[in-house]
Structure formats: C-alpha cells, structure tokens
PDB file of N, CA and C in Angstrom:
ATOM      1  N   MET A   1       0.821  -1.194   0.000  1.00  0.00           N
ATOM      2  CA  MET A   1       0.000   0.000   0.000  1.00  0.00           C
ATOM      3  C   MET A   1       0.866   1.260   0.000  1.00  0.00           C
ATOM      4  N   GLU A   2       1.976   1.206   0.727  1.00  0.00           N
ATOM      5  CA  GLU A   2       2.856   2.372   0.780  1.00  0.00           C
ATOM      6  C   GLU A   2       3.482   2.655  -0.580  1.00  0.00           C
ATOM      7  N   THR A   3       3.790   1.619  -1.335  1.00  0.00           N
ATOM      8  CA  THR A   3       4.400   1.856  -2.649  1.00  0.00           C
ATOM      9  C   THR A   3       3.400   2.503  -3.599  1.00  0.00           C
ATOM     10  N   MET A   4       2.120   2.161  -3.442  1.00  0.00           N
ATOM     11  CA  MET A   4       1.123   2.770  -4.312  1.00  0.00           C
ATOM     12  C   MET A   4       0.970   4.258  -3.981  1.00  0.00           C
ATOM     13  N   ILE A   5       0.973   4.591  -2.726  1.00  0.00           N
ATOM     14  CA  ILE A   5       0.881   6.002  -2.334  1.00  0.00           C
ATOM     15  C   ILE A   5       2.112   6.757  -2.823  1.00  0.00           C
ATOM     16  N   GLY A   6       3.266   6.140  -2.736  1.00  0.00           N
ATOM     17  CA  GLY A   6       4.488   6.764  -3.246  1.00  0.00           C
ATOM     18  C   GLY A   6       4.425   6.964  -4.749  1.00  0.00           C
ATOM     19  N   ASP A   7       3.873   5.971  -5.463  1.00  0.00           N
ATOM     20  CA  ASP A   7       3.732   6.097  -6.917  1.00  0.00           C
ATOM     21  C   ASP A   7       2.775   7.232  -7.281  1.00  0.00           C
ATOM     22  N   ILE A   8       1.693   7.360  -6.526  1.00  0.00           N
ATOM     23  CA  ILE A   8       0.735   8.434  -6.799  1.00  0.00           C
ATOM     24  C   ILE A   8       1.382   9.797  -6.546  1.00  0.00           C
ATOM     25  N   ARG A   9       2.140   9.908  -5.458  1.00  0.00           N
ATOM     26  CA  ARG A   9       2.842  11.175  -5.179  1.00  0.00           C
ATOM     27  C   ARG A   9       3.834  11.514  -6.283  1.00  0.00           C
ATOM     28  N   TYR A  10       4.554  10.511  -6.750  1.00  0.00           N
ATOM     29  CA  TYR A  10       5.523  10.720  -7.832  1.00  0.00           C
ATOM     30  C   TYR A  10       4.807  11.177  -9.107  1.00  0.00           C
ATOM     31  N   ALA A  11       3.662  10.557  -9.419  1.00  0.00           N
ATOM     32  CA  ALA A  11       2.907  10.937 -10.614  1.00  0.00           C
ATOM     33  C   ALA A  11       2.408  12.370 -10.507  1.00  0.00           C
ATOM     34  N   VAL A  12       1.914  12.751  -9.339  1.00  0.00           N
ATOM     35  CA  VAL A  12       1.418  14.116  -9.149  1.00  0.00           C
ATOM     36  C   VAL A  12       2.551  15.126  -9.277  1.00  0.00           C
ATOM     37  N   ARG A  13       3.709  14.813  -8.677  1.00  0.00           N
ATOM     38  CA  ARG A  13       4.858  15.726  -8.790  1.00  0.00           C
ATOM     39  C   ARG A  13       5.300  15.858 -10.241  1.00  0.00           C
ATOM     40  N   SER A  14       5.318  14.746 -10.968  1.00  0.00           N
ATOM     41  CA  SER A  14       5.720  14.784 -12.378  1.00  0.00           C
ATOM     42  C   SER A  14       4.750  15.634 -13.198  1.00  0.00           C
ATOM     43  N   LEU A  15       3.459  15.492 -12.939  1.00  0.00           N
ATOM     44  CA  LEU A  15       2.471  16.278 -13.685  1.00  0.00           C
ATOM     45  C   LEU A  15       2.547  17.757 -13.332  1.00  0.00           C
ATOM     46  N   LEU A  16       2.874  18.069 -12.083  1.00  0.00           N
ATOM     47  CA  LEU A  16       3.010  19.473 -11.695  1.00  0.00           C
ATOM     48  C   LEU A  16       4.236  20.117 -12.330  1.00  0.00           C
ATOM     49  N   ARG A  17       5.257  19.312 -12.625  1.00  0.00           N
ATOM     50  CA  ARG A  17       6.449  19.850 -13.293  1.00  0.00           C
ATOM     51  C   ARG A  17       6.212  20.104 -14.773  1.00  0.00           C
ATOM     52  N   ALA A  18       5.261  19.412 -15.355  1.00  0.00           N
ATOM     53  CA  ALA A  18       4.965  19.576 -16.787  1.00  0.00           C
ATOM     54  C   ALA A  18       3.477  19.887 -16.946  1.00  0.00           C
ATOM     55  N   PRO A  19       3.061  21.113 -16.684  1.00  0.00           N
ATOM     56  CA  PRO A  19       1.623  21.428 -16.716  1.00  0.00           C
ATOM     57  C   PRO A  19       1.007  21.319 -18.110  1.00  0.00           C
ATOM     58  N   LEU A  20       1.757  21.600 -19.159  1.00  0.00           N
ATOM     59  CA  LEU A  20       1.219  21.478 -20.512  1.00  0.00           C
ATOM     60  C   LEU A  20       0.898  20.023 -20.840  1.00  0.00           C
ATOM     61  N   PHE A  21       1.787  19.123 -20.452  1.00  0.00           N
ATOM     62  CA  PHE A  21       1.537  17.705 -20.652  1.00  0.00           C
ATOM     63  C   PHE A  21       0.326  17.263 -19.837  1.00  0.00           C
ATOM     64  N   ALA A  22       0.193  17.759 -18.607  1.00  0.00           N
ATOM     65  CA  ALA A  22      -0.941  17.397 -17.758  1.00  0.00           C
ATOM     66  C   ALA A  22      -2.255  17.849 -18.387  1.00  0.00           C
ATOM     67  N   VAL A  23      -2.275  19.067 -18.925  1.00  0.00           N
ATOM     68  CA  VAL A  23      -3.491  19.573 -19.577  1.00  0.00           C
ATOM     69  C   VAL A  23      -3.816  18.732 -20.810  1.00  0.00           C
ATOM     70  N   ALA A  24      -2.791  18.399 -21.599  1.00  0.00           N
ATOM     71  CA  ALA A  24      -3.019  17.582 -22.792  1.00  0.00           C
ATOM     72  C   ALA A  24      -3.544  16.201 -22.405  1.00  0.00           C
ATOM     73  N   ALA A  25      -3.005  15.609 -21.351  1.00  0.00           N
ATOM     74  CA  ALA A  25      -3.455  14.289 -20.911  1.00  0.00           C
ATOM     75  C   ALA A  25      -4.899  14.345 -20.427  1.00  0.00           C
ATOM     76  N   VAL A  26      -5.244  15.365 -19.652  1.00  0.00           N
ATOM     77  CA  VAL A  26      -6.610  15.488 -19.138  1.00  0.00           C
ATOM     78  C   VAL A  26      -7.595  15.727 -20.278  1.00  0.00           C
ATOM     79  N   LEU A  27      -7.243  16.578 -21.239  1.00  0.00           N
ATOM     80  CA  LEU A  27      -8.130  16.829 -22.380  1.00  0.00           C
ATOM     81  C   LEU A  27      -8.310  15.584 -23.243  1.00  0.00           C
ATOM     82  N   THR A  28      -7.225  14.833 -23.430  1.00  0.00           N
ATOM     83  CA  THR A  28      -7.327  13.593 -24.204  1.00  0.00           C
ATOM     84  C   THR A  28      -8.254  12.597 -23.526  1.00  0.00           C
ATOM     85  N   LEU A  29      -8.096  12.442 -22.226  1.00  0.00           N
ATOM     86  CA  LEU A  29      -8.983  11.536 -21.488  1.00  0.00           C
ATOM     87  C   LEU A  29     -10.431  12.025 -21.543  1.00  0.00           C
ATOM     88  N   ALA A  30     -10.646  13.325 -21.385  1.00  0.00           N
ATOM     89  CA  ALA A  30     -12.009  13.866 -21.416  1.00  0.00           C
ATOM     90  C   ALA A  30     -12.664  13.638 -22.780  1.00  0.00           C
ATOM     91  N   LEU A  31     -11.932  13.883 -23.857  1.00  0.00           N
ATOM     92  CA  LEU A  31     -12.484  13.664 -25.195  1.00  0.00           C
ATOM     93  C   LEU A  31     -12.766  12.186 -25.448  1.00  0.00           C
ATOM     94  N   GLY A  32     -11.867  11.325 -25.001  1.00  0.00           N
ATOM     95  CA  GLY A  32     -12.071   9.882 -25.184  1.00  0.00           C
ATOM     96  C   GLY A  32     -13.279   9.382 -24.417  1.00  0.00           C
ATOM     97  N   ILE A  33     -13.412   9.805 -23.180  1.00  0.00           N
ATOM     98  CA  ILE A  33     -14.556   9.368 -22.372  1.00  0.00           C
ATOM     99  C   ILE A  33     -15.857   9.938 -22.937  1.00  0.00           C
ATOM    100  N   GLY A  34     -15.840  11.192 -23.368  1.00  0.00           N
ATOM    101  CA  GLY A  34     -17.035  11.799 -23.956  1.00  0.00           C
ATOM    102  C   GLY A  34     -17.455  11.119 -25.249  1.00  0.00           C
ATOM    103  N   ALA A  35     -16.490  10.815 -26.115  1.00  0.00           N
ATOM    104  CA  ALA A  35     -16.811  10.135 -27.379  1.00  0.00           C
ATOM    105  C   ALA A  35     -17.346   8.736 -27.116  1.00  0.00           C
ATOM    106  N   ASN A  36     -16.752   8.023 -26.175  1.00  0.00           N
ATOM    107  CA  ASN A  36     -17.210   6.681 -25.835  1.00  0.00           C
ATOM    108  C   ASN A  36     -18.638   6.721 -25.307  1.00  0.00           C
ATOM    109  N   THR A  37     -18.935   7.689 -24.462  1.00  0.00           N
ATOM    110  CA  THR A  37     -20.288   7.826 -23.913  1.00  0.00           C
ATOM    111  C   THR A  37     -21.288   8.144 -25.015  1.00  0.00           C
ATOM    112  N   ALA A  38     -20.927   9.025 -25.931  1.00  0.00           N
ATOM    113  CA  ALA A  38     -21.839   9.387 -27.019  1.00  0.00           C
ATOM    114  C   ALA A  38     -22.118   8.199 -27.929  1.00  0.00           C
ATOM    115  N   VAL A  39     -21.094   7.462 -28.296  1.00  0.00           N
ATOM    116  CA  VAL A  39     -21.275   6.303 -29.182  1.00  0.00           C
ATOM    117  C   VAL A  39     -22.119   5.244 -28.482  1.00  0.00           C
ATOM    118  N   PHE A  40     -21.842   4.979 -27.211  1.00  0.00           N
ATOM    119  CA  PHE A  40     -22.625   3.977 -26.503  1.00  0.00           C
ATOM    120  C   PHE A  40     -24.082   4.401 -26.378  1.00  0.00           C
ATOM    121  N   SER A  41     -24.335   5.686 -26.164  1.00  0.00           N
ATOM    122  CA  SER A  41     -25.712   6.159 -26.062  1.00  0.00           C
ATOM    123  C   SER A  41     -26.462   5.955 -27.371  1.00  0.00           C
ATOM    124  N   VAL A  42     -25.809   6.221 -28.488  1.00  0.00           N
ATOM    125  CA  VAL A  42     -26.450   6.023 -29.789  1.00  0.00           C
ATOM    126  C   VAL A  42     -26.701   4.540 -30.032  1.00  0.00           C
ATOM    127  N   VAL A  43     -25.717   3.695 -29.763  1.00  0.00           N
ATOM    128  CA  VAL A  43     -25.879   2.252 -29.973  1.00  0.00           C
ATOM    129  C   VAL A  43     -26.993   1.720 -29.083  1.00  0.00           C
ATOM    130  N   ARG A  44     -27.038   2.160 -27.835  1.00  0.00           N
ATOM    131  CA  ARG A  44     -28.087   1.699 -26.920  1.00  0.00           C
ATOM    132  C   ARG A  44     -29.461   2.132 -27.406  1.00  0.00           C
ATOM    133  N   GLY A  45     -29.580   3.391 -27.835  1.00  0.00           N
ATOM    134  CA  GLY A  45     -30.868   3.902 -28.281  1.00  0.00           C
ATOM    135  C   GLY A  45     -31.355   3.284 -29.574  1.00  0.00           C
ATOM    136  N   VAL A  46     -30.432   2.948 -30.474  1.00  0.00           N
ATOM    137  CA  VAL A  46     -30.825   2.450 -31.787  1.00  0.00           C
ATOM    138  C   VAL A  46     -30.906   0.930 -31.824  1.00  0.00           C
ATOM    139  N   LEU A  47     -29.943   0.245 -31.231  1.00  0.00           N
ATOM    140  CA  LEU A  47     -29.857  -1.201 -31.385  1.00  0.00           C
ATOM    141  C   LEU A  47     -30.305  -2.007 -30.172  1.00  0.00           C
ATOM    142  N   LEU A  48     -30.023  -1.539 -28.973  1.00  0.00           N
ATOM    143  CA  LEU A  48     -30.228  -2.377 -27.801  1.00  0.00           C
ATOM    144  C   LEU A  48     -31.581  -2.199 -27.125  1.00  0.00           C
ATOM    145  N   ARG A  49     -32.180  -1.036 -27.241  1.00  0.00           N
ATOM    146  CA  ARG A  49     -33.461  -0.794 -26.583  1.00  0.00           C
ATOM    147  C   ARG A  49     -34.591  -1.424 -27.402  1.00  0.00           C
ATOM    148  N   PRO A  50     -35.522  -2.103 -26.752  1.00  0.00           N
ATOM    149  CA  PRO A  50     -36.624  -2.717 -27.517  1.00  0.00           C
ATOM    150  C   PRO A  50     -37.538  -1.649 -28.121  1.00  0.00           C
ATOM    151  N   LEU A  51     -38.303  -2.052 -29.111  1.00  0.00           N
ATOM    152  CA  LEU A  51     -39.228  -1.136 -29.761  1.00  0.00           C
ATOM    153  C   LEU A  51     -40.325  -0.723 -28.788  1.00  0.00           C
ATOM    154  N   PRO A  52     -40.830   0.508 -28.909  1.00  0.00           N
ATOM    155  CA  PRO A  52     -41.840   0.990 -27.961  1.00  0.00           C
ATOM    156  C   PRO A  52     -43.261   0.539 -28.299  1.00  0.00           C
ATOM    157  N   HIS A  53     -43.402  -0.660 -28.814  1.00  0.00           N
ATOM    158  CA  HIS A  53     -44.714  -1.202 -29.172  1.00  0.00           C
ATOM    159  C   HIS A  53     -44.865  -2.583 -28.559  1.00  0.00           C
ATOM    160  N   ALA A  54     -46.105  -2.934 -28.234  1.00  0.00           N
ATOM    161  CA  ALA A  54     -46.359  -4.309 -27.805  1.00  0.00           C
ATOM    162  C   ALA A  54     -46.180  -5.213 -29.022  1.00  0.00           C
ATOM    163  N   ASP A  55     -45.558  -6.347 -28.837  1.00  0.00           N
ATOM    164  CA  ASP A  55     -45.287  -7.292 -29.932  1.00  0.00           C
ATOM    165  C   ASP A  55     -44.497  -6.623 -31.052  1.00  0.00           C
ATOM    166  N   GLY A  56     -43.444  -5.898 -30.696  1.00  0.00           N
ATOM    167  CA  GLY A  56     -42.635  -5.188 -31.673  1.00  0.00           C
ATOM    168  C   GLY A  56     -41.986  -6.090 -32.695  1.00  0.00           C
ATOM    169  N   GLU A  57     -41.749  -7.354 -32.331  1.00  0.00           N
ATOM    170  CA  GLU A  57     -41.127  -8.278 -33.286  1.00  0.00           C
ATOM    171  C   GLU A  57     -42.085  -8.684 -34.396  1.00  0.00           C
ATOM    172  N   ARG A  58     -43.359  -8.329 -34.272  1.00  0.00           N
ATOM    173  CA  ARG A  58     -44.338  -8.686 -35.296  1.00  0.00           C
ATOM    174  C   ARG A  58     -44.599  -7.545 -36.270  1.00  0.00           C
ATOM    175  N   LEU A  59     -43.909  -6.419 -36.129  1.00  0.00           N
ATOM    176  CA  LEU A  59     -44.091  -5.305 -37.053  1.00  0.00           C
ATOM    177  C   LEU A  59     -43.530  -5.664 -38.420  1.00  0.00           C
ATOM    178  N   VAL A  60     -44.200  -5.232 -39.467  1.00  0.00           N
ATOM    179  CA  VAL A  60     -43.755  -5.515 -40.833  1.00  0.00           C
ATOM    180  C   VAL A  60     -43.763  -4.218 -41.641  1.00  0.00           C
ATOM    181  N   TYR A  61     -43.034  -4.228 -42.719  1.00  0.00           N
ATOM    182  CA  TYR A  61     -43.000  -3.107 -43.648  1.00  0.00           C
ATOM    183  C   TYR A  61     -43.766  -3.521 -44.896  1.00  0.00           C
ATOM    184  N   LEU A  62     -44.817  -2.771 -45.226  1.00  0.00           N
ATOM    185  CA  LEU A  62     -45.628  -3.079 -46.402  1.00  0.00           C
ATOM    186  C   LEU A  62     -45.173  -2.228 -47.574  1.00  0.00           C
ATOM    187  N   ARG A  63     -45.130  -2.857 -48.723  1.00  0.00           N
ATOM    188  CA  ARG A  63     -44.684  -2.210 -49.941  1.00  0.00           C
ATOM    189  C   ARG A  63     -45.619  -2.546 -51.080  1.00  0.00           C
ATOM    190  N   GLN A  64     -45.814  -1.640 -51.980  1.00  0.00           N
ATOM    191  CA  GLN A  64     -46.663  -1.892 -53.136  1.00  0.00           C
ATOM    192  C   GLN A  64     -45.935  -1.394 -54.379  1.00  0.00           C
ATOM    193  N   SER A  65     -45.935  -2.216 -55.392  1.00  0.00           N
ATOM    194  CA  SER A  65     -45.315  -1.785 -56.646  1.00  0.00           C
ATOM    195  C   SER A  65     -46.369  -1.755 -57.745  1.00  0.00           C
ATOM    196  N   ALA A  66     -46.199  -0.849 -58.654  1.00  0.00           N
ATOM    197  CA  ALA A  66     -47.083  -0.731 -59.808  1.00  0.00           C
ATOM    198  C   ALA A  66     -46.203  -0.865 -61.046  1.00  0.00           C
ATOM    199  N   GLU A  67     -45.997  -2.084 -61.482  1.00  0.00           N
ATOM    200  CA  GLU A  67     -45.061  -2.349 -62.587  1.00  0.00           C
ATOM    201  C   GLU A  67     -45.507  -1.704 -63.893  1.00  0.00           C
ATOM    202  N   LEU A  68     -46.809  -1.712 -64.177  1.00  0.00           N
ATOM    203  CA  LEU A  68     -47.284  -1.129 -65.437  1.00  0.00           C
ATOM    204  C   LEU A  68     -47.082   0.380 -65.471  1.00  0.00           C
ATOM    205  N   ALA A  69     -47.140   1.028 -64.311  1.00  0.00           N
ATOM    206  CA  ALA A  69     -46.941   2.478 -64.247  1.00  0.00           C
ATOM    207  C   ALA A  69     -45.470   2.838 -64.071  1.00  0.00           C
ATOM    208  N   GLY A  70     -44.621   1.822 -63.892  1.00  0.00           N
ATOM    209  CA  GLY A  70     -43.197   2.071 -63.721  1.00  0.00           C
ATOM    210  C   GLY A  70     -42.821   2.553 -62.332  1.00  0.00           C
ATOM    211  N   ILE A  71     -43.673   2.277 -61.348  1.00  0.00           N
ATOM    212  CA  ILE A  71     -43.409   2.702 -59.966  1.00  0.00           C
ATOM    213  C   ILE A  71     -42.992   1.472 -59.173  1.00  0.00           C
ATOM    214  N   ASP A  72     -41.793   1.538 -58.599  1.00  0.00           N
ATOM    215  CA  ASP A  72     -41.275   0.384 -57.857  1.00  0.00           C
ATOM    216  C   ASP A  72     -41.794   0.354 -56.425  1.00  0.00           C
ATOM    217  N   ASN A  73     -41.921   1.499 -55.798  1.00  0.00           N
ATOM    218  CA  ASN A  73     -42.345   1.550 -54.403  1.00  0.00           C
ATOM    219  C   ASN A  73     -43.431   2.617 -54.269  1.00  0.00           C
ATOM    220  N   ALA A  74     -44.683   2.246 -54.532  1.00  0.00           N
ATOM    221  CA  ALA A  74     -45.799   3.185 -54.478  1.00  0.00           C
ATOM    222  C   ALA A  74     -46.197   3.429 -53.028  1.00  0.00           C
ATOM    223  N   LEU A  75     -46.447   4.688 -52.692  1.00  0.00           N
ATOM    224  CA  LEU A  75     -46.888   5.033 -51.351  1.00  0.00           C
ATOM    225  C   LEU A  75     -48.370   4.747 -51.187  1.00  0.00           C
ATOM    226  N   PHE A  76     -48.738   4.190 -50.047  1.00  0.00           N
ATOM    227  CA  PHE A  76     -50.141   3.985 -49.734  1.00  0.00           C
ATOM    228  C   PHE A  76     -50.309   3.992 -48.226  1.00  0.00           C
ATOM    229  N   SER A  77     -51.517   4.156 -47.782  1.00  0.00           N
ATOM    230  CA  SER A  77     -51.811   4.240 -46.351  1.00  0.00           C
ATOM    231  C   SER A  77     -52.573   3.002 -45.921  1.00  0.00           C
ATOM    232  N   VAL A  78     -52.166   2.465 -44.773  1.00  0.00           N
ATOM    233  CA  VAL A  78     -52.851   1.309 -44.208  1.00  0.00           C
ATOM    234  C   VAL A  78     -53.608   1.789 -42.969  1.00  0.00           C
ATOM    235  N   PRO A  79     -54.916   1.583 -42.922  1.00  0.00           N
ATOM    236  CA  PRO A  79     -55.662   2.054 -41.740  1.00  0.00           C
ATOM    237  C   PRO A  79     -55.246   1.306 -40.478  1.00  0.00           C
TER     238      PRO A  79
END
C-alpha cells in the first residue's frame, strides 16, 4: 500500500512539473470518455433498446409496386 501512495505522489509531482503535458493528458482523457459515452448512447438507443410497441417483433414493412406504371415503391396508407 505504501508503494502505491508513493507512486501516486511521484505521478502528481511529475504532472506538476509539466503542466502542458498534464493539460493535454486530461483533455485527451475527457475527449475519449465523452466520445465513448456518445457512441454507446447512440448504440443503446438504436440497437439495444426494444421497440416501444407491444409485440414489436411482429411489425412488418408493407410495400406496393405498380409495374405497369413504372413505380417500384408506391406510397399507400394502411388504416
């Protein structure tokens, strides 16, 4: 335990001797942690969270084509 406290004191003294390096290290860590949090939030919201509907796995996408009119994906409304 004493060696760990000594190592922490040495690290703090080293960072105080080089304040520009300390600022760069802190900013790098802050940007990395912020980017990681943002990416995880997007992945969680898009991929991991279930759909907000009952029986969400039964949802389907309906498509209609009108080949004679040359329309591949015609829009229509389903009541």
